[in-house]
Amino acid sequence: MQEGFFPESTNVKTKFAQYHAFGEKKARLEIAKKFIEAKFYKSKAVLDFLSQRYPEIKFDALDELTKLKEENSKLKKRPKSPKVASKKPIEMTVSAK
């Protein structure tokens, strides 16, 4: 390897797509949802493994997933709150006596 030579990232297109997605609120939200879903399923896999190894532990991840989906559908049905107009800051003056 040459001195001062740094290999270029092998997936530059992915990095640019990530930067582009960060600028879009909707895309950021969808990506965050995917991370949370993946975290949930990975946690479920760990809990399934532990419940096989330690049968005295009782936890039904599918029941929790059902509850999560119900709450998610409630949020989608909830009307969006109106945006609050920004208020001007209150100006205060102090007079010296």
C-alpha atoms as a PDB file:
ATOM      1  CA  MET A   1       0.000   0.000   0.000  1.00  0.00           C
ATOM      2  CA  GLN A   2       1.289   3.438  -0.880  1.00  0.00           C
ATOM      3  CA  GLU A   3       1.877   5.926   1.896  1.00  0.00           C
ATOM      4  CA  GLY A   4      -0.957   8.457   2.109  1.00  0.00           C
ATOM      5  CA  PHE A   5      -3.228   6.277  -0.032  1.00  0.00           C
ATOM      6  CA  PHE A   6      -6.639   5.554   1.430  1.00  0.00           C
ATOM      7  CA  PRO A   7      -8.933   3.099  -0.333  1.00  0.00           C
ATOM      8  CA  GLU A   8     -12.197   4.600  -1.515  1.00  0.00           C
ATOM      9  CA  SER A   9     -15.426   3.350   0.001  1.00  0.00           C
ATOM     10  CA  THR A  10     -16.739   0.386  -1.921  1.00  0.00           C
ATOM     11  CA  ASN A  11     -20.297   1.642  -1.797  1.00  0.00           C
ATOM     12  CA  VAL A  12     -20.266   5.357  -2.570  1.00  0.00           C
ATOM     13  CA  LYS A  13     -23.745   5.226  -4.118  1.00  0.00           C
ATOM     14  CA  THR A  14     -25.178   3.971  -0.841  1.00  0.00           C
ATOM     15  CA  LYS A  15     -23.557   6.805   1.090  1.00  0.00           C
ATOM     16  CA  PHE A  16     -24.980   9.409  -1.276  1.00  0.00           C
ATOM     17  CA  ALA A  17     -28.409   7.800  -1.008  1.00  0.00           C
ATOM     18  CA  GLN A  18     -28.125   7.979   2.790  1.00  0.00           C
ATOM     19  CA  TYR A  19     -27.217  11.677   2.678  1.00  0.00           C
ATOM     20  CA  HIS A  20     -30.083  12.337   0.281  1.00  0.00           C
ATOM     21  CA  ALA A  21     -32.572  10.422   2.472  1.00  0.00           C
ATOM     22  CA  PHE A  22     -31.481  12.393   5.531  1.00  0.00           C
ATOM     23  CA  GLY A  23     -32.678  15.572   3.841  1.00  0.00           C
ATOM     24  CA  GLU A  24     -36.198  14.182   3.413  1.00  0.00           C
ATOM     25  CA  LYS A  25     -38.289  13.938   6.572  1.00  0.00           C
ATOM     26  CA  LYS A  26     -40.575  11.224   5.148  1.00  0.00           C
ATOM     27  CA  ALA A  27     -37.621   9.066   4.126  1.00  0.00           C
ATOM     28  CA  ARG A  28     -35.986   9.495   7.545  1.00  0.00           C
ATOM     29  CA  LEU A  29     -39.211   8.390   9.226  1.00  0.00           C
ATOM     30  CA  GLU A  30     -39.530   5.304   7.025  1.00  0.00           C
ATOM     31  CA  ILE A  31     -35.906   4.345   7.658  1.00  0.00           C
ATOM     32  CA  ALA A  32     -36.393   4.797  11.410  1.00  0.00           C
ATOM     33  CA  LYS A  33     -39.482   2.573  11.292  1.00  0.00           C
ATOM     34  CA  LYS A  34     -37.486  -0.129   9.493  1.00  0.00           C
ATOM     35  CA  PHE A  35     -34.753   0.053  12.151  1.00  0.00           C
ATOM     36  CA  ILE A  36     -37.323  -0.312  14.923  1.00  0.00           C
ATOM     37  CA  GLU A  37     -39.020  -3.251  13.192  1.00  0.00           C
ATOM     38  CA  ALA A  38     -35.667  -4.972  12.658  1.00  0.00           C
ATOM     39  CA  LYS A  39     -34.744  -4.387  16.294  1.00  0.00           C
ATOM     40  CA  PHE A  40     -38.050  -5.901  17.388  1.00  0.00           C
ATOM     41  CA  TYR A  41     -37.609  -9.038  15.250  1.00  0.00           C
ATOM     42  CA  LYS A  42     -34.005  -9.498  16.371  1.00  0.00           C
ATOM     43  CA  SER A  43     -35.116  -9.129  20.001  1.00  0.00           C
ATOM     44  CA  LYS A  44     -37.847 -11.692  19.357  1.00  0.00           C
ATOM     45  CA  ALA A  45     -35.241 -14.134  18.031  1.00  0.00           C
ATOM     46  CA  VAL A  46     -33.147 -13.664  21.182  1.00  0.00           C
ATOM     47  CA  LEU A  47     -36.195 -14.147  23.415  1.00  0.00           C
ATOM     48  CA  ASP A  48     -37.195 -17.274  21.487  1.00  0.00           C
ATOM     49  CA  PHE A  49     -33.694 -18.675  21.961  1.00  0.00           C
ATOM     50  CA  LEU A  50     -33.716 -17.844  25.672  1.00  0.00           C
ATOM     51  CA  SER A  51     -37.172 -19.338  26.181  1.00  0.00           C
ATOM     52  CA  GLN A  52     -35.930 -22.609  24.648  1.00  0.00           C
ATOM     53  CA  ARG A  53     -32.856 -22.606  26.825  1.00  0.00           C
ATOM     54  CA  TYR A  54     -34.679 -21.432  29.965  1.00  0.00           C
ATOM     55  CA  PRO A  55     -38.251 -22.803  29.771  1.00  0.00           C
ATOM     56  CA  GLU A  56     -39.174 -21.220  33.113  1.00  0.00           C
ATOM     57  CA  ILE A  57     -39.188 -17.797  31.401  1.00  0.00           C
ATOM     58  CA  LYS A  58     -42.581 -17.096  29.845  1.00  0.00           C
ATOM     59  CA  PHE A  59     -42.801 -14.317  27.246  1.00  0.00           C
ATOM     60  CA  ASP A  60     -44.932 -14.224  24.130  1.00  0.00           C
ATOM     61  CA  ALA A  61     -43.305 -11.879  21.623  1.00  0.00           C
ATOM     62  CA  LEU A  62     -46.123 -12.358  19.114  1.00  0.00           C
ATOM     63  CA  ASP A  63     -48.587 -11.016  21.670  1.00  0.00           C
ATOM     64  CA  GLU A  64     -46.389  -7.949  22.097  1.00  0.00           C
ATOM     65  CA  LEU A  65     -46.118  -7.558  18.305  1.00  0.00           C
ATOM     66  CA  THR A  66     -49.916  -7.625  18.043  1.00  0.00           C
ATOM     67  CA  LYS A  67     -50.151  -4.887  20.682  1.00  0.00           C
ATOM     68  CA  LEU A  68     -47.537  -2.834  18.816  1.00  0.00           C
ATOM     69  CA  LYS A  69     -49.440  -3.133  15.525  1.00  0.00           C
ATOM     70  CA  GLU A  70     -52.699  -2.126  17.240  1.00  0.00           C
ATOM     71  CA  GLU A  71     -51.086   0.998  18.681  1.00  0.00           C
ATOM     72  CA  ASN A  72     -49.553   1.803  15.302  1.00  0.00           C
ATOM     73  CA  SER A  73     -52.958   1.590  13.601  1.00  0.00           C
ATOM     74  CA  LYS A  74     -54.441   3.866  16.298  1.00  0.00           C
ATOM     75  CA  LEU A  75     -51.753   6.450  15.568  1.00  0.00           C
ATOM     76  CA  LYS A  76     -52.492   6.322  11.836  1.00  0.00           C
ATOM     77  CA  LYS A  77     -56.212   6.894  12.468  1.00  0.00           C
ATOM     78  CA  ARG A  78     -55.640   9.794  14.871  1.00  0.00           C
ATOM     79  CA  PRO A  79     -56.234  13.209  13.267  1.00  0.00           C
ATOM     80  CA  LYS A  80     -53.144  15.279  12.836  1.00  0.00           C
ATOM     81  CA  SER A  81     -52.835  18.200  15.206  1.00  0.00           C
ATOM     82  CA  PRO A  82     -52.869  21.644  13.599  1.00  0.00           C
ATOM     83  CA  LYS A  83     -49.588  23.446  13.411  1.00  0.00           C
ATOM     84  CA  VAL A  84     -49.170  26.141  16.008  1.00  0.00           C
ATOM     85  CA  ALA A  85     -48.203  29.500  14.624  1.00  0.00           C
ATOM     86  CA  SER A  86     -44.891  30.657  15.957  1.00  0.00           C
ATOM     87  CA  LYS A  87     -45.174  33.466  18.433  1.00  0.00           C
ATOM     88  CA  LYS A  88     -42.865  36.415  18.500  1.00  0.00           C
ATOM     89  CA  PRO A  89     -40.630  36.495  21.555  1.00  0.00           C
ATOM     90  CA  ILE A  90     -41.705  38.891  24.267  1.00  0.00           C
ATOM     91  CA  GLU A  91     -39.419  41.860  24.439  1.00  0.00           C
ATOM     92  CA  MET A  92     -38.581  43.070  27.899  1.00  0.00           C
ATOM     93  CA  THR A  93     -36.861  46.294  28.780  1.00  0.00           C
ATOM     94  CA  VAL A  94     -35.265  47.113  32.069  1.00  0.00           C
ATOM     95  CA  SER A  95     -34.851  50.717  33.005  1.00  0.00           C
ATOM     96  CA  ALA A  96     -32.071  51.818  35.313  1.00  0.00           C
ATOM     97  CA  LYS A  97     -33.151  54.087  38.210  1.00  0.00           C
END
